[in-house]
Amino acid sequence: SKHRLVNNFCLAFHFMSLLSCGACYVGTTGRCLNDRMREHANNVRNGKDGFLAQHCTGCNCVPLFKDTVTLYKHKDERT
């Protein structure tokens, strides 16, 4: 991804997003975390496939992406 800072590389992440129902979603991405959160938000909003979208549709809850935390950042894996 293009970043404002030239040396701002995207790393591989394990992350956790809280849901309004009290559950949490744990995921992994090898791409920019902000890009992945935007994709999840679009999938939930559009009712697309995926565990998070299916849960939110069935439970009538929403992801709280602003509260997403990084659980683990891989030191050597860059995208």
C-alpha atoms as a PDB file:
ATOM      1  CA  SER A   1       0.000   0.000   0.000  1.00  0.00           C
ATOM      2  CA  LYS A   2       1.040   3.556  -0.524  1.00  0.00           C
ATOM      3  CA  HIS A   3       1.702   5.315   2.769  1.00  0.00           C
ATOM      4  CA  ARG A   4       2.375   8.930   3.585  1.00  0.00           C
ATOM      5  CA  LEU A   5       5.636   7.921   5.249  1.00  0.00           C
ATOM      6  CA  VAL A   6       8.034   6.264   2.817  1.00  0.00           C
ATOM      7  CA  ASN A   7       9.381   3.697   5.312  1.00  0.00           C
ATOM      8  CA  ASN A   8       6.014   2.718   6.780  1.00  0.00           C
ATOM      9  CA  PHE A   9       5.889  -0.979   5.759  1.00  0.00           C
ATOM     10  CA  CYS A  10       2.950  -3.263   6.315  1.00  0.00           C
ATOM     11  CA  LEU A  11       3.679  -6.246   8.510  1.00  0.00           C
ATOM     12  CA  ALA A  12       1.827  -9.485   9.100  1.00  0.00           C
ATOM     13  CA  PHE A  13      -0.546  -9.157  12.061  1.00  0.00           C
ATOM     14  CA  HIS A  14      -2.762 -11.188  14.336  1.00  0.00           C
ATOM     15  CA  PHE A  15      -5.532  -8.890  15.522  1.00  0.00           C
ATOM     16  CA  MET A  16      -8.666  -8.901  17.658  1.00  0.00           C
ATOM     17  CA  SER A  17     -11.806  -6.850  17.048  1.00  0.00           C
ATOM     18  CA  LEU A  18     -14.538  -6.562  19.660  1.00  0.00           C
ATOM     19  CA  LEU A  19     -18.198  -6.917  18.710  1.00  0.00           C
ATOM     20  CA  SER A  20     -21.157  -5.061  20.217  1.00  0.00           C
ATOM     21  CA  CYS A  21     -22.605  -8.399  21.435  1.00  0.00           C
ATOM     22  CA  GLY A  22     -19.569  -8.964  23.678  1.00  0.00           C
ATOM     23  CA  ALA A  23     -17.889 -11.524  21.423  1.00  0.00           C
ATOM     24  CA  CYS A  24     -14.584 -10.911  19.685  1.00  0.00           C
ATOM     25  CA  TYR A  25     -13.183 -11.727  16.256  1.00  0.00           C
ATOM     26  CA  VAL A  26      -9.558 -12.819  15.946  1.00  0.00           C
ATOM     27  CA  GLY A  27      -7.979 -12.673  12.516  1.00  0.00           C
ATOM     28  CA  THR A  28      -4.670 -12.732  10.710  1.00  0.00           C
ATOM     29  CA  THR A  29      -3.568 -10.655   7.767  1.00  0.00           C
ATOM     30  CA  GLY A  30      -0.345 -10.324   5.843  1.00  0.00           C
ATOM     31  CA  ARG A  31      -1.483  -7.007   4.485  1.00  0.00           C
ATOM     32  CA  CYS A  32      -2.097  -3.557   5.878  1.00  0.00           C
ATOM     33  CA  LEU A  33      -4.341  -3.793   8.922  1.00  0.00           C
ATOM     34  CA  ASN A  34      -6.344  -0.690   7.955  1.00  0.00           C
ATOM     35  CA  ASP A  35      -7.060  -2.167   4.518  1.00  0.00           C
ATOM     36  CA  ARG A  36      -8.225  -5.439   6.087  1.00  0.00           C
ATOM     37  CA  MET A  37     -10.495  -3.632   8.580  1.00  0.00           C
ATOM     38  CA  ARG A  38     -12.039  -1.646   5.717  1.00  0.00           C
ATOM     39  CA  GLU A  39     -12.710  -4.904   3.810  1.00  0.00           C
ATOM     40  CA  HIS A  40     -14.330  -6.481   6.880  1.00  0.00           C
ATOM     41  CA  ALA A  41     -16.501  -3.385   7.392  1.00  0.00           C
ATOM     42  CA  ASN A  42     -17.633  -3.519   3.748  1.00  0.00           C
ATOM     43  CA  ASN A  43     -18.403  -7.251   3.999  1.00  0.00           C
ATOM     44  CA  VAL A  44     -20.484  -6.768   7.154  1.00  0.00           C
ATOM     45  CA  ARG A  45     -22.311  -3.752   5.710  1.00  0.00           C
ATOM     46  CA  ASN A  46     -23.072  -5.590   2.440  1.00  0.00           C
ATOM     47  CA  GLY A  47     -23.906  -8.937   4.073  1.00  0.00           C
ATOM     48  CA  LYS A  48     -21.157 -10.734   2.140  1.00  0.00           C
ATOM     49  CA  ASP A  49     -19.645 -14.118   2.941  1.00  0.00           C
ATOM     50  CA  GLY A  50     -17.229 -14.564   5.796  1.00  0.00           C
ATOM     51  CA  PHE A  51     -17.445 -15.636   9.405  1.00  0.00           C
ATOM     52  CA  LEU A  52     -17.560 -12.085  10.738  1.00  0.00           C
ATOM     53  CA  ALA A  53     -20.317 -10.970   8.349  1.00  0.00           C
ATOM     54  CA  GLN A  54     -22.328 -14.143   9.019  1.00  0.00           C
ATOM     55  CA  HIS A  55     -22.060 -13.712  12.785  1.00  0.00           C
ATOM     56  CA  CYS A  56     -23.021 -10.037  12.683  1.00  0.00           C
ATOM     57  CA  THR A  57     -26.003 -10.755  10.419  1.00  0.00           C
ATOM     58  CA  GLY A  58     -27.260 -13.622  12.605  1.00  0.00           C
ATOM     59  CA  CYS A  59     -26.575 -11.906  15.927  1.00  0.00           C
ATOM     60  CA  ASN A  60     -27.607  -8.406  14.822  1.00  0.00           C
ATOM     61  CA  CYS A  61     -24.399  -6.970  16.266  1.00  0.00           C
ATOM     62  CA  VAL A  62     -21.699  -4.737  14.804  1.00  0.00           C
ATOM     63  CA  PRO A  63     -17.901  -4.884  14.915  1.00  0.00           C
ATOM     64  CA  LEU A  64     -16.188  -2.178  16.944  1.00  0.00           C
ATOM     65  CA  PHE A  65     -13.208  -1.759  14.609  1.00  0.00           C
ATOM     66  CA  LYS A  66     -11.993   1.392  16.348  1.00  0.00           C
ATOM     67  CA  ASP A  67     -11.208  -0.842  19.339  1.00  0.00           C
ATOM     68  CA  THR A  68      -9.195  -3.390  17.304  1.00  0.00           C
ATOM     69  CA  VAL A  69      -5.943  -4.392  18.962  1.00  0.00           C
ATOM     70  CA  THR A  70      -2.840  -6.054  17.558  1.00  0.00           C
ATOM     71  CA  LEU A  71      -2.182  -9.360  19.304  1.00  0.00           C
ATOM     72  CA  TYR A  72       1.052 -10.203  17.526  1.00  0.00           C
ATOM     73  CA  LYS A  73       3.160  -8.522  14.868  1.00  0.00           C
ATOM     74  CA  HIS A  74       5.512 -10.734  12.852  1.00  0.00           C
ATOM     75  CA  LYS A  75       9.003  -9.224  12.863  1.00  0.00           C
ATOM     76  CA  ASP A  76      10.218 -10.616   9.555  1.00  0.00           C
ATOM     77  CA  GLU A  77       7.118 -10.828   7.390  1.00  0.00           C
ATOM     78  CA  ARG A  78       6.381  -7.773   5.290  1.00  0.00           C
ATOM     79  CA  THR A  79       3.910  -7.240   2.530  1.00  0.00           C
END
